[in-house]
């Protein structure tokens, strides 16, 4: 009978065994809290060959167990265990933060996936801001040309714009999407309230691989209402640290810029969906001169609508857009103050 009970116990531990999750780093605050508790602590204990079983230990033994690869089942004490844990819910995407768990309320603007659904700040409204980029004489700081038209709509979902002279350029940008994978942006749309229906603002999106490489992905031609996973007109500008190596934007293949400045992969113009998951939206803050031209947005905004340029089709043109939305997958973000 004793042998039978022993076999049943081993079988139960075998069912619980699994691979160690990736997110098992314990912060200083949590470690102090765990080490100070009087009751037993449940941990996943390494049995070798990458397998783990659950055991209970005293808090005084915690440090030695952590040092040889064991990990705590529920570090933040929210009742849920980390993704990949050996038992429990196994769905807490940040087991160091008790405010982050499946079903939590999403907190707008904190740049955290609070509810562990893989989307940051869903159903939150990005706040766009108007800013100047360039004067007609190519200067990029105040005083700004007094004939430039630039102001935000009252609801904060669009802006008034006008660049009556060549070289003038303005932006309408947001930091909301900083940290988003650029290949997750599926479309941008707005209503043309006034202006030439054939000419509208275009996109400038700062991107980085997090390793010092930055570039601006630009839509140039009309982009509203199009599917960014199939649209193949994406230009690339102001890239540093190198002006020739663009392979870092992709997981493989040869990247380049063709004669019309469009980004290509293996000599074919790309869609946003082809860019690597490593490539995120983020303004560099410090601009890598001399690779950044005077037309690059410098407002600190990773995602911007742009109006104006040296092209003739922008001269003596003005207008207003409203109802601005940005879609990331199935989530539609509605611009608002």
C-alpha atoms as a PDB file:
ATOM      1  CA  UNK A   1       0.000   0.000   0.000  1.00  0.00           C
ATOM      2  CA  UNK A   2       2.818   2.421   0.891  1.00  0.00           C
ATOM      3  CA  UNK A   3       4.477   1.747  -2.450  1.00  0.00           C
ATOM      4  CA  UNK A   4       1.189   2.402  -4.246  1.00  0.00           C
ATOM      5  CA  UNK A   5       0.778   5.766  -2.486  1.00  0.00           C
ATOM      6  CA  UNK A   6       4.331   6.665  -3.392  1.00  0.00           C
ATOM      7  CA  UNK A   7       3.729   5.853  -7.039  1.00  0.00           C
ATOM      8  CA  UNK A   8       0.550   7.968  -7.061  1.00  0.00           C
ATOM      9  CA  UNK A   9       2.421  10.906  -5.535  1.00  0.00           C
ATOM     10  CA  UNK A  10       5.203  10.660  -8.113  1.00  0.00           C
ATOM     11  CA  UNK A  11       2.623  10.472 -10.884  1.00  0.00           C
ATOM     12  CA  UNK A  12       0.950  13.662  -9.673  1.00  0.00           C
ATOM     13  CA  UNK A  13       4.289  15.493  -9.600  1.00  0.00           C
ATOM     14  CA  UNK A  14       5.044  14.181 -13.070  1.00  0.00           C
ATOM     15  CA  UNK A  15       1.820  15.689 -14.399  1.00  0.00           C
ATOM     16  CA  UNK A  16       2.772  19.053 -12.896  1.00  0.00           C
ATOM     17  CA  UNK A  17       6.275  19.060 -14.373  1.00  0.00           C
ATOM     18  CA  UNK A  18       6.882  21.516 -17.217  1.00  0.00           C
ATOM     19  CA  UNK A  19       9.364  23.899 -18.759  1.00  0.00           C
ATOM     20  CA  UNK A  20      10.543  26.918 -16.783  1.00  0.00           C
ATOM     21  CA  UNK A  21       8.869  30.177 -17.875  1.00  0.00           C
ATOM     22  CA  UNK A  22      10.973  33.035 -19.237  1.00  0.00           C
ATOM     23  CA  UNK A  23       9.646  35.798 -16.965  1.00  0.00           C
ATOM     24  CA  UNK A  24      10.879  34.596 -13.575  1.00  0.00           C
ATOM     25  CA  UNK A  25      13.096  37.512 -12.536  1.00  0.00           C
ATOM     26  CA  UNK A  26      12.134  38.645  -9.054  1.00  0.00           C
ATOM     27  CA  UNK A  27      12.422  42.344  -8.249  1.00  0.00           C
ATOM     28  CA  UNK A  28      14.031  43.540  -5.037  1.00  0.00           C
ATOM     29  CA  UNK A  29      10.724  44.554  -3.470  1.00  0.00           C
ATOM     30  CA  UNK A  30       9.084  41.232  -4.201  1.00  0.00           C
ATOM     31  CA  UNK A  31      12.078  39.265  -2.973  1.00  0.00           C
ATOM     32  CA  UNK A  32      12.029  41.151   0.340  1.00  0.00           C
ATOM     33  CA  UNK A  33       8.307  40.476   0.691  1.00  0.00           C
ATOM     34  CA  UNK A  34       8.692  36.776  -0.045  1.00  0.00           C
ATOM     35  CA  UNK A  35      11.669  36.376   2.280  1.00  0.00           C
ATOM     36  CA  UNK A  36       9.742  38.014   5.111  1.00  0.00           C
ATOM     37  CA  UNK A  37       6.675  35.783   5.119  1.00  0.00           C
ATOM     38  CA  UNK A  38       6.259  33.220   7.879  1.00  0.00           C
ATOM     39  CA  UNK A  39       4.301  30.557   5.983  1.00  0.00           C
ATOM     40  CA  UNK A  40       5.611  28.107   3.482  1.00  0.00           C
ATOM     41  CA  UNK A  41       6.360  29.302  -0.046  1.00  0.00           C
ATOM     42  CA  UNK A  42       5.275  27.218  -3.015  1.00  0.00           C
ATOM     43  CA  UNK A  43       7.950  26.958  -5.667  1.00  0.00           C
ATOM     44  CA  UNK A  44       8.683  25.066  -8.859  1.00  0.00           C
ATOM     45  CA  UNK A  45      11.683  22.943  -7.983  1.00  0.00           C
ATOM     46  CA  UNK A  46      14.140  21.798 -10.633  1.00  0.00           C
ATOM     47  CA  UNK A  47      14.362  18.033 -10.989  1.00  0.00           C
ATOM     48  CA  UNK A  48      16.909  18.120 -13.815  1.00  0.00           C
ATOM     49  CA  UNK A  49      16.607  17.910 -17.598  1.00  0.00           C
ATOM     50  CA  UNK A  50      14.701  21.193 -17.594  1.00  0.00           C
ATOM     51  CA  UNK A  51      11.763  19.760 -15.631  1.00  0.00           C
ATOM     52  CA  UNK A  52      10.146  21.176 -12.486  1.00  0.00           C
ATOM     53  CA  UNK A  53       7.892  19.893  -9.693  1.00  0.00           C
ATOM     54  CA  UNK A  54       6.003  21.854  -7.033  1.00  0.00           C
ATOM     55  CA  UNK A  55       7.262  21.821  -3.454  1.00  0.00           C
ATOM     56  CA  UNK A  56       6.771  23.979  -0.349  1.00  0.00           C
ATOM     57  CA  UNK A  57       9.782  25.493   1.396  1.00  0.00           C
ATOM     58  CA  UNK A  58      10.421  27.916   4.244  1.00  0.00           C
ATOM     59  CA  UNK A  59      11.229  31.517   3.394  1.00  0.00           C
ATOM     60  CA  UNK A  60      14.715  31.103   4.857  1.00  0.00           C
ATOM     61  CA  UNK A  61      15.501  28.502   2.191  1.00  0.00           C
ATOM     62  CA  UNK A  62      14.209  30.625  -0.681  1.00  0.00           C
ATOM     63  CA  UNK A  63      17.495  32.257  -1.636  1.00  0.00           C
ATOM     64  CA  UNK A  64      19.387  28.975  -2.020  1.00  0.00           C
ATOM     65  CA  UNK A  65      16.591  27.481  -4.129  1.00  0.00           C
ATOM     66  CA  UNK A  66      16.512  30.506  -6.438  1.00  0.00           C
ATOM     67  CA  UNK A  67      20.272  30.291  -6.877  1.00  0.00           C
ATOM     68  CA  UNK A  68      20.100  26.804  -8.352  1.00  0.00           C
ATOM     69  CA  UNK A  69      17.257  27.535 -10.753  1.00  0.00           C
ATOM     70  CA  UNK A  70      14.016  27.081  -8.807  1.00  0.00           C
ATOM     71  CA  UNK A  71      11.377  29.790  -9.061  1.00  0.00           C
ATOM     72  CA  UNK A  72       8.401  31.050  -7.088  1.00  0.00           C
ATOM     73  CA  UNK A  73       4.962  30.066  -8.358  1.00  0.00           C
ATOM     74  CA  UNK A  74       3.248  33.413  -7.744  1.00  0.00           C
ATOM     75  CA  UNK A  75       5.799  36.163  -7.200  1.00  0.00           C
ATOM     76  CA  UNK A  76       3.422  39.131  -7.096  1.00  0.00           C
ATOM     77  CA  UNK A  77       0.797  37.400  -4.970  1.00  0.00           C
ATOM     78  CA  UNK A  78      -2.147  38.011  -7.291  1.00  0.00           C
ATOM     79  CA  UNK A  79      -3.204  34.354  -7.243  1.00  0.00           C
ATOM     80  CA  UNK A  80      -2.019  33.678 -10.802  1.00  0.00           C
ATOM     81  CA  UNK A  81       1.147  31.978 -11.990  1.00  0.00           C
ATOM     82  CA  UNK A  82       3.477  33.039 -14.777  1.00  0.00           C
ATOM     83  CA  UNK A  83       3.201  31.856 -18.361  1.00  0.00           C
ATOM     84  CA  UNK A  84       5.011  28.523 -18.461  1.00  0.00           C
ATOM     85  CA  UNK A  85       4.814  27.853 -14.715  1.00  0.00           C
ATOM     86  CA  UNK A  86       4.644  24.231 -13.596  1.00  0.00           C
ATOM     87  CA  UNK A  87       1.134  24.557 -12.085  1.00  0.00           C
ATOM     88  CA  UNK A  88      -1.617  27.122 -11.569  1.00  0.00           C
ATOM     89  CA  UNK A  89      -3.200  29.460 -14.084  1.00  0.00           C
ATOM     90  CA  UNK A  90       0.040  29.718 -16.129  1.00  0.00           C
ATOM     91  CA  UNK A  91      -1.201  32.916 -17.838  1.00  0.00           C
ATOM     92  CA  UNK A  92       0.200  35.862 -15.853  1.00  0.00           C
ATOM     93  CA  UNK A  93       2.295  37.765 -18.408  1.00  0.00           C
ATOM     94  CA  UNK A  94       4.099  39.780 -15.688  1.00  0.00           C
ATOM     95  CA  UNK A  95       4.343  37.909 -12.418  1.00  0.00           C
ATOM     96  CA  UNK A  96       6.297  40.772 -10.833  1.00  0.00           C
ATOM     97  CA  UNK A  97       3.345  43.181 -11.020  1.00  0.00           C
ATOM     98  CA  UNK A  98       0.119  42.361  -9.181  1.00  0.00           C
ATOM     99  CA  UNK A  99      -1.760  44.926 -11.306  1.00  0.00           C
ATOM    100  CA  UNK A 100      -1.000  42.949 -14.478  1.00  0.00           C
ATOM    101  CA  UNK A 101      -3.004  39.781 -15.090  1.00  0.00           C
ATOM    102  CA  UNK A 102      -5.599  38.377 -17.515  1.00  0.00           C
ATOM    103  CA  UNK A 103      -8.851  40.288 -17.042  1.00  0.00           C
ATOM    104  CA  UNK A 104      -7.282  43.380 -15.465  1.00  0.00           C
ATOM    105  CA  UNK A 105      -8.555  46.804 -16.518  1.00  0.00           C
ATOM    106  CA  UNK A 106      -6.373  48.384 -19.187  1.00  0.00           C
ATOM    107  CA  UNK A 107      -4.702  51.578 -17.936  1.00  0.00           C
ATOM    108  CA  UNK A 108      -4.457  54.136 -20.720  1.00  0.00           C
ATOM    109  CA  UNK A 109      -1.074  55.701 -21.302  1.00  0.00           C
ATOM    110  CA  UNK A 110       1.044  53.478 -19.045  1.00  0.00           C
ATOM    111  CA  UNK A 111       2.521  51.571 -22.030  1.00  0.00           C
ATOM    112  CA  UNK A 112       1.800  48.263 -20.269  1.00  0.00           C
ATOM    113  CA  UNK A 113      -0.308  45.322 -21.437  1.00  0.00           C
ATOM    114  CA  UNK A 114      -2.307  45.281 -18.195  1.00  0.00           C
ATOM    115  CA  UNK A 115      -4.701  42.487 -19.174  1.00  0.00           C
ATOM    116  CA  UNK A 116      -2.162  40.168 -20.850  1.00  0.00           C
ATOM    117  CA  UNK A 117      -3.990  40.053 -24.185  1.00  0.00           C
ATOM    118  CA  UNK A 118      -0.917  41.071 -26.199  1.00  0.00           C
ATOM    119  CA  UNK A 119      -2.190  44.609 -26.926  1.00  0.00           C
ATOM    120  CA  UNK A 120      -0.963  47.772 -25.219  1.00  0.00           C
ATOM    121  CA  UNK A 121      -3.549  50.435 -24.316  1.00  0.00           C
ATOM    122  CA  UNK A 122      -6.380  49.000 -26.422  1.00  0.00           C
ATOM    123  CA  UNK A 123      -9.521  51.134 -26.628  1.00  0.00           C
ATOM    124  CA  UNK A 124      -7.500  54.088 -25.330  1.00  0.00           C
ATOM    125  CA  UNK A 125      -7.530  57.329 -27.292  1.00  0.00           C
ATOM    126  CA  UNK A 126      -4.207  58.666 -28.588  1.00  0.00           C
ATOM    127  CA  UNK A 127      -3.631  62.357 -27.961  1.00  0.00           C
ATOM    128  CA  UNK A 128      -2.063  64.045 -31.011  1.00  0.00           C
ATOM    129  CA  UNK A 129      -0.227  67.393 -30.853  1.00  0.00           C
ATOM    130  CA  UNK A 130       0.516  69.967 -33.559  1.00  0.00           C
ATOM    131  CA  UNK A 131       4.156  70.997 -34.037  1.00  0.00           C
ATOM    132  CA  UNK A 132       6.344  72.851 -36.527  1.00  0.00           C
ATOM    133  CA  UNK A 133       9.049  71.091 -38.521  1.00  0.00           C
ATOM    134  CA  UNK A 134      10.577  73.482 -41.057  1.00  0.00           C
ATOM    135  CA  UNK A 135      10.380  77.074 -42.357  1.00  0.00           C
ATOM    136  CA  UNK A 136      10.520  78.077 -45.998  1.00  0.00           C
ATOM    137  CA  UNK A 137      14.241  78.899 -45.635  1.00  0.00           C
ATOM    138  CA  UNK A 138      14.961  75.369 -44.299  1.00  0.00           C
ATOM    139  CA  UNK A 139      15.459  76.500 -40.676  1.00  0.00           C
ATOM    140  CA  UNK A 140      14.066  74.051 -38.137  1.00  0.00           C
ATOM    141  CA  UNK A 141      13.623  76.232 -35.050  1.00  0.00           C
ATOM    142  CA  UNK A 142      11.539  79.277 -34.033  1.00  0.00           C
ATOM    143  CA  UNK A 143      10.713  81.926 -35.068  1.00  0.00           C
ATOM    144  CA  UNK A 144       8.314  80.137 -37.376  1.00  0.00           C
ATOM    145  CA  UNK A 145       6.936  81.557 -40.622  1.00  0.00           C
ATOM    146  CA  UNK A 146       3.865  83.595 -39.755  1.00  0.00           C
ATOM    147  CA  UNK A 147       1.993  82.458 -42.870  1.00  0.00           C
ATOM    148  CA  UNK A 148       2.025  78.780 -41.869  1.00  0.00           C
ATOM    149  CA  UNK A 149      -1.448  77.544 -40.856  1.00  0.00           C
ATOM    150  CA  UNK A 150      -1.339  75.144 -37.926  1.00  0.00           C
ATOM    151  CA  UNK A 151      -3.871  74.433 -35.169  1.00  0.00           C
ATOM    152  CA  UNK A 152      -5.729  71.457 -33.703  1.00  0.00           C
ATOM    153  CA  UNK A 153      -9.443  70.756 -34.065  1.00  0.00           C
ATOM    154  CA  UNK A 154     -11.487  71.366 -30.931  1.00  0.00           C
ATOM    155  CA  UNK A 155     -12.233  67.619 -30.378  1.00  0.00           C
ATOM    156  CA  UNK A 156      -8.560  66.750 -30.842  1.00  0.00           C
ATOM    157  CA  UNK A 157      -9.196  64.340 -33.701  1.00  0.00           C
ATOM    158  CA  UNK A 158      -7.489  66.312 -36.489  1.00  0.00           C
ATOM    159  CA  UNK A 159      -5.869  69.605 -37.435  1.00  0.00           C
ATOM    160  CA  UNK A 160      -5.920  72.687 -39.682  1.00  0.00           C
ATOM    161  CA  UNK A 161      -2.842  72.985 -41.897  1.00  0.00           C
ATOM    162  CA  UNK A 162      -1.397  75.219 -44.571  1.00  0.00           C
ATOM    163  CA  UNK A 163       2.041  75.761 -46.088  1.00  0.00           C
ATOM    164  CA  UNK A 164       1.773  78.555 -48.648  1.00  0.00           C
ATOM    165  CA  UNK A 165       5.486  78.493 -49.477  1.00  0.00           C
ATOM    166  CA  UNK A 166       7.724  75.666 -50.619  1.00  0.00           C
ATOM    167  CA  UNK A 167       9.866  74.130 -47.895  1.00  0.00           C
ATOM    168  CA  UNK A 168       7.394  74.755 -45.085  1.00  0.00           C
ATOM    169  CA  UNK A 169       6.401  71.657 -43.158  1.00  0.00           C
ATOM    170  CA  UNK A 170       4.264  70.873 -40.085  1.00  0.00           C
ATOM    171  CA  UNK A 171       3.322  67.796 -38.103  1.00  0.00           C
ATOM    172  CA  UNK A 172       0.524  66.310 -36.013  1.00  0.00           C
ATOM    173  CA  UNK A 173       2.094  63.655 -33.828  1.00  0.00           C
ATOM    174  CA  UNK A 174       1.648  61.380 -30.835  1.00  0.00           C
ATOM    175  CA  UNK A 175       3.806  59.321 -28.468  1.00  0.00           C
ATOM    176  CA  UNK A 176       0.894  56.938 -27.905  1.00  0.00           C
ATOM    177  CA  UNK A 177       2.217  54.283 -30.298  1.00  0.00           C
ATOM    178  CA  UNK A 178       5.821  54.351 -29.073  1.00  0.00           C
ATOM    179  CA  UNK A 179       6.652  50.732 -28.261  1.00  0.00           C
ATOM    180  CA  UNK A 180       4.139  49.279 -30.720  1.00  0.00           C
ATOM    181  CA  UNK A 181       5.436  46.909 -33.371  1.00  0.00           C
ATOM    182  CA  UNK A 182       5.159  48.825 -36.621  1.00  0.00           C
ATOM    183  CA  UNK A 183       3.870  45.724 -38.395  1.00  0.00           C
ATOM    184  CA  UNK A 184       0.865  45.791 -36.040  1.00  0.00           C
ATOM    185  CA  UNK A 185      -0.408  49.068 -37.545  1.00  0.00           C
ATOM    186  CA  UNK A 186      -3.008  47.967 -40.071  1.00  0.00           C
ATOM    187  CA  UNK A 187      -4.544  51.254 -41.308  1.00  0.00           C
ATOM    188  CA  UNK A 188      -4.943  54.994 -40.711  1.00  0.00           C
ATOM    189  CA  UNK A 189      -8.050  56.948 -41.640  1.00  0.00           C
ATOM    190  CA  UNK A 190      -9.518  60.437 -41.341  1.00  0.00           C
ATOM    191  CA  UNK A 191     -12.156  62.684 -42.860  1.00  0.00           C
ATOM    192  CA  UNK A 192     -11.086  65.434 -45.265  1.00  0.00           C
ATOM    193  CA  UNK A 193     -13.132  68.376 -43.979  1.00  0.00           C
ATOM    194  CA  UNK A 194     -11.611  70.926 -46.364  1.00  0.00           C
ATOM    195  CA  UNK A 195      -8.833  71.036 -48.924  1.00  0.00           C
ATOM    196  CA  UNK A 196      -7.908  69.340 -52.162  1.00  0.00           C
ATOM    197  CA  UNK A 197      -9.367  65.791 -52.237  1.00  0.00           C
ATOM    198  CA  UNK A 198      -6.343  64.594 -54.216  1.00  0.00           C
ATOM    199  CA  UNK A 199      -3.804  65.825 -51.677  1.00  0.00           C
ATOM    200  CA  UNK A 200      -3.739  64.939 -47.991  1.00  0.00           C
ATOM    201  CA  UNK A 201      -1.362  64.539 -45.074  1.00  0.00           C
ATOM    202  CA  UNK A 202       1.038  61.623 -45.171  1.00  0.00           C
ATOM    203  CA  UNK A 203       2.705  59.534 -42.482  1.00  0.00           C
ATOM    204  CA  UNK A 204       6.168  59.739 -40.932  1.00  0.00           C
ATOM    205  CA  UNK A 205       6.817  56.938 -38.446  1.00  0.00           C
ATOM    206  CA  UNK A 206      10.082  56.740 -36.514  1.00  0.00           C
ATOM    207  CA  UNK A 207      11.157  53.117 -36.011  1.00  0.00           C
ATOM    208  CA  UNK A 208      14.034  51.384 -34.237  1.00  0.00           C
ATOM    209  CA  UNK A 209      15.373  47.917 -33.531  1.00  0.00           C
ATOM    210  CA  UNK A 210      16.426  48.961 -30.033  1.00  0.00           C
ATOM    211  CA  UNK A 211      20.097  48.570 -30.974  1.00  0.00           C
ATOM    212  CA  UNK A 212      20.793  52.118 -32.124  1.00  0.00           C
ATOM    213  CA  UNK A 213      19.339  51.890 -35.619  1.00  0.00           C
ATOM    214  CA  UNK A 214      16.585  54.378 -36.489  1.00  0.00           C
ATOM    215  CA  UNK A 215      14.656  55.225 -39.630  1.00  0.00           C
ATOM    216  CA  UNK A 216      11.557  57.069 -40.789  1.00  0.00           C
ATOM    217  CA  UNK A 217       9.015  54.990 -42.661  1.00  0.00           C
ATOM    218  CA  UNK A 218       6.907  57.366 -44.774  1.00  0.00           C
ATOM    219  CA  UNK A 219       3.658  56.777 -46.649  1.00  0.00           C
ATOM    220  CA  UNK A 220       4.164  59.758 -48.997  1.00  0.00           C
ATOM    221  CA  UNK A 221       1.173  59.136 -51.297  1.00  0.00           C
ATOM    222  CA  UNK A 222      -2.426  58.930 -50.048  1.00  0.00           C
ATOM    223  CA  UNK A 223      -2.583  56.219 -47.399  1.00  0.00           C
ATOM    224  CA  UNK A 224      -5.914  56.690 -45.616  1.00  0.00           C
ATOM    225  CA  UNK A 225      -8.312  53.783 -45.736  1.00  0.00           C
ATOM    226  CA  UNK A 226      -5.763  51.371 -47.183  1.00  0.00           C
ATOM    227  CA  UNK A 227      -4.598  48.019 -45.822  1.00  0.00           C
ATOM    228  CA  UNK A 228      -1.018  48.437 -44.624  1.00  0.00           C
ATOM    229  CA  UNK A 229      -0.448  44.679 -44.882  1.00  0.00           C
ATOM    230  CA  UNK A 230      -0.884  44.903 -48.662  1.00  0.00           C
ATOM    231  CA  UNK A 231       0.107  48.511 -49.430  1.00  0.00           C
ATOM    232  CA  UNK A 232       3.552  48.539 -51.102  1.00  0.00           C
ATOM    233  CA  UNK A 233       4.380  52.264 -51.170  1.00  0.00           C
ATOM    234  CA  UNK A 234       6.602  52.903 -48.150  1.00  0.00           C
ATOM    235  CA  UNK A 235       9.558  55.225 -48.433  1.00  0.00           C
ATOM    236  CA  UNK A 236      12.452  55.346 -45.996  1.00  0.00           C
ATOM    237  CA  UNK A 237      14.378  58.447 -44.876  1.00  0.00           C
ATOM    238  CA  UNK A 238      16.701  59.886 -42.245  1.00  0.00           C
ATOM    239  CA  UNK A 239      18.204  56.623 -41.156  1.00  0.00           C
ATOM    240  CA  UNK A 240      21.194  56.297 -38.830  1.00  0.00           C
ATOM    241  CA  UNK A 241      23.624  55.021 -37.803  1.00  0.00           C
ATOM    242  CA  UNK A 242      24.076  53.830 -41.389  1.00  0.00           C
ATOM    243  CA  UNK A 243      22.625  55.315 -44.567  1.00  0.00           C
ATOM    244  CA  UNK A 244      23.124  52.144 -46.588  1.00  0.00           C
ATOM    245  CA  UNK A 245      22.492  49.099 -44.375  1.00  0.00           C
ATOM    246  CA  UNK A 246      18.742  48.550 -44.025  1.00  0.00           C
ATOM    247  CA  UNK A 247      18.815  44.795 -43.386  1.00  0.00           C
ATOM    248  CA  UNK A 248      18.144  45.388 -39.675  1.00  0.00           C
ATOM    249  CA  UNK A 249      14.502  46.135 -40.529  1.00  0.00           C
ATOM    250  CA  UNK A 250      13.837  42.518 -41.522  1.00  0.00           C
ATOM    251  CA  UNK A 251      14.440  38.998 -40.223  1.00  0.00           C
ATOM    252  CA  UNK A 252      16.228  37.991 -43.432  1.00  0.00           C
ATOM    253  CA  UNK A 253      16.924  38.954 -47.025  1.00  0.00           C
ATOM    254  CA  UNK A 254      18.508  42.046 -48.579  1.00  0.00           C
ATOM    255  CA  UNK A 255      16.906  45.421 -47.869  1.00  0.00           C
ATOM    256  CA  UNK A 256      17.511  48.524 -49.949  1.00  0.00           C
ATOM    257  CA  UNK A 257      16.001  51.785 -51.152  1.00  0.00           C
ATOM    258  CA  UNK A 258      15.094  51.911 -54.835  1.00  0.00           C
ATOM    259  CA  UNK A 259      15.483  54.872 -57.196  1.00  0.00           C
ATOM    260  CA  UNK A 260      12.164  56.366 -56.043  1.00  0.00           C
ATOM    261  CA  UNK A 261      13.222  56.014 -52.358  1.00  0.00           C
ATOM    262  CA  UNK A 262      10.827  53.148 -51.650  1.00  0.00           C
ATOM    263  CA  UNK A 263      11.956  50.475 -49.187  1.00  0.00           C
ATOM    264  CA  UNK A 264      12.518  47.093 -50.822  1.00  0.00           C
ATOM    265  CA  UNK A 265      13.301  43.559 -49.703  1.00  0.00           C
ATOM    266  CA  UNK A 266      15.067  41.370 -52.252  1.00  0.00           C
ATOM    267  CA  UNK A 267      14.328  44.096 -54.865  1.00  0.00           C
ATOM    268  CA  UNK A 268      10.552  44.053 -54.225  1.00  0.00           C
ATOM    269  CA  UNK A 269       8.701  46.920 -52.515  1.00  0.00           C
ATOM    270  CA  UNK A 270       7.546  45.900 -49.069  1.00  0.00           C
ATOM    271  CA  UNK A 271       4.397  45.987 -46.962  1.00  0.00           C
ATOM    272  CA  UNK A 272       4.446  46.940 -43.280  1.00  0.00           C
ATOM    273  CA  UNK A 273       3.565  43.344 -42.396  1.00  0.00           C
ATOM    274  CA  UNK A 274       6.974  42.204 -43.705  1.00  0.00           C
ATOM    275  CA  UNK A 275       8.953  44.240 -41.189  1.00  0.00           C
ATOM    276  CA  UNK A 276      10.423  42.265 -38.289  1.00  0.00           C
ATOM    277  CA  UNK A 277       8.592  41.946 -34.982  1.00  0.00           C
ATOM    278  CA  UNK A 278      11.732  43.499 -33.489  1.00  0.00           C
ATOM    279  CA  UNK A 279      10.991  46.843 -35.165  1.00  0.00           C
ATOM    280  CA  UNK A 280       9.011  49.147 -32.917  1.00  0.00           C
ATOM    281  CA  UNK A 281       7.760  52.711 -33.187  1.00  0.00           C
ATOM    282  CA  UNK A 282       9.819  55.200 -31.171  1.00  0.00           C
ATOM    283  CA  UNK A 283      11.178  58.687 -31.658  1.00  0.00           C
ATOM    284  CA  UNK A 284      14.971  58.699 -31.090  1.00  0.00           C
ATOM    285  CA  UNK A 285      14.998  61.890 -29.018  1.00  0.00           C
ATOM    286  CA  UNK A 286      18.560  62.554 -30.190  1.00  0.00           C
ATOM    287  CA  UNK A 287      18.765  62.802 -33.966  1.00  0.00           C
ATOM    288  CA  UNK A 288      21.758  61.176 -35.692  1.00  0.00           C
ATOM    289  CA  UNK A 289      23.257  64.079 -37.654  1.00  0.00           C
ATOM    290  CA  UNK A 290      24.247  64.298 -40.454  1.00  0.00           C
ATOM    291  CA  UNK A 291      21.899  61.506 -41.545  1.00  0.00           C
ATOM    292  CA  UNK A 292      18.733  63.321 -40.456  1.00  0.00           C
ATOM    293  CA  UNK A 293      17.531  65.909 -42.978  1.00  0.00           C
ATOM    294  CA  UNK A 294      15.669  69.135 -42.242  1.00  0.00           C
ATOM    295  CA  UNK A 295      12.360  67.510 -43.165  1.00  0.00           C
ATOM    296  CA  UNK A 296      12.518  64.916 -40.370  1.00  0.00           C
ATOM    297  CA  UNK A 297       9.952  65.338 -37.575  1.00  0.00           C
ATOM    298  CA  UNK A 298      11.682  66.384 -34.366  1.00  0.00           C
ATOM    299  CA  UNK A 299       8.750  66.880 -32.043  1.00  0.00           C
ATOM    300  CA  UNK A 300       9.464  63.804 -29.945  1.00  0.00           C
ATOM    301  CA  UNK A 301       6.564  61.957 -31.561  1.00  0.00           C
ATOM    302  CA  UNK A 302       7.100  58.495 -33.022  1.00  0.00           C
ATOM    303  CA  UNK A 303       3.890  58.566 -35.084  1.00  0.00           C
ATOM    304  CA  UNK A 304       2.968  61.665 -37.102  1.00  0.00           C
ATOM    305  CA  UNK A 305       0.737  62.978 -39.855  1.00  0.00           C
ATOM    306  CA  UNK A 306       2.798  65.377 -41.963  1.00  0.00           C
ATOM    307  CA  UNK A 307       1.779  68.286 -44.166  1.00  0.00           C
ATOM    308  CA  UNK A 308       4.029  70.300 -46.479  1.00  0.00           C
ATOM    309  CA  UNK A 309       7.238  69.737 -48.394  1.00  0.00           C
ATOM    310  CA  UNK A 310       9.314  71.176 -51.201  1.00  0.00           C
ATOM    311  CA  UNK A 311       7.091  69.493 -53.787  1.00  0.00           C
ATOM    312  CA  UNK A 312       4.984  71.759 -55.996  1.00  0.00           C
ATOM    313  CA  UNK A 313       1.807  69.874 -55.163  1.00  0.00           C
ATOM    314  CA  UNK A 314       1.966  71.126 -51.579  1.00  0.00           C
ATOM    315  CA  UNK A 315       2.555  74.786 -52.412  1.00  0.00           C
ATOM    316  CA  UNK A 316      -0.435  77.143 -51.892  1.00  0.00           C
ATOM    317  CA  UNK A 317      -2.470  74.312 -50.411  1.00  0.00           C
ATOM    318  CA  UNK A 318      -4.241  74.107 -47.063  1.00  0.00           C
ATOM    319  CA  UNK A 319      -7.022  72.126 -45.447  1.00  0.00           C
ATOM    320  CA  UNK A 320      -8.435  70.413 -42.397  1.00  0.00           C
ATOM    321  CA  UNK A 321      -8.768  66.770 -41.387  1.00  0.00           C
ATOM    322  CA  UNK A 322     -10.878  65.284 -38.579  1.00  0.00           C
ATOM    323  CA  UNK A 323     -12.093  61.914 -37.353  1.00  0.00           C
ATOM    324  CA  UNK A 324      -8.534  60.571 -37.201  1.00  0.00           C
ATOM    325  CA  UNK A 325      -8.274  56.872 -36.325  1.00  0.00           C
ATOM    326  CA  UNK A 326      -5.371  54.421 -36.222  1.00  0.00           C
ATOM    327  CA  UNK A 327      -6.025  50.678 -36.368  1.00  0.00           C
ATOM    328  CA  UNK A 328      -3.735  48.130 -34.765  1.00  0.00           C
ATOM    329  CA  UNK A 329      -4.994  44.704 -35.719  1.00  0.00           C
ATOM    330  CA  UNK A 330      -8.692  44.647 -34.823  1.00  0.00           C
ATOM    331  CA  UNK A 331      -8.383  47.562 -32.366  1.00  0.00           C
ATOM    332  CA  UNK A 332      -9.361  51.010 -33.641  1.00  0.00           C
ATOM    333  CA  UNK A 333      -7.780  53.903 -31.737  1.00  0.00           C
ATOM    334  CA  UNK A 334      -9.809  57.138 -32.040  1.00  0.00           C
ATOM    335  CA  UNK A 335      -7.768  60.326 -31.663  1.00  0.00           C
ATOM    336  CA  UNK A 336      -8.990  62.674 -28.938  1.00  0.00           C
ATOM    337  CA  UNK A 337      -7.659  65.076 -26.323  1.00  0.00           C
END
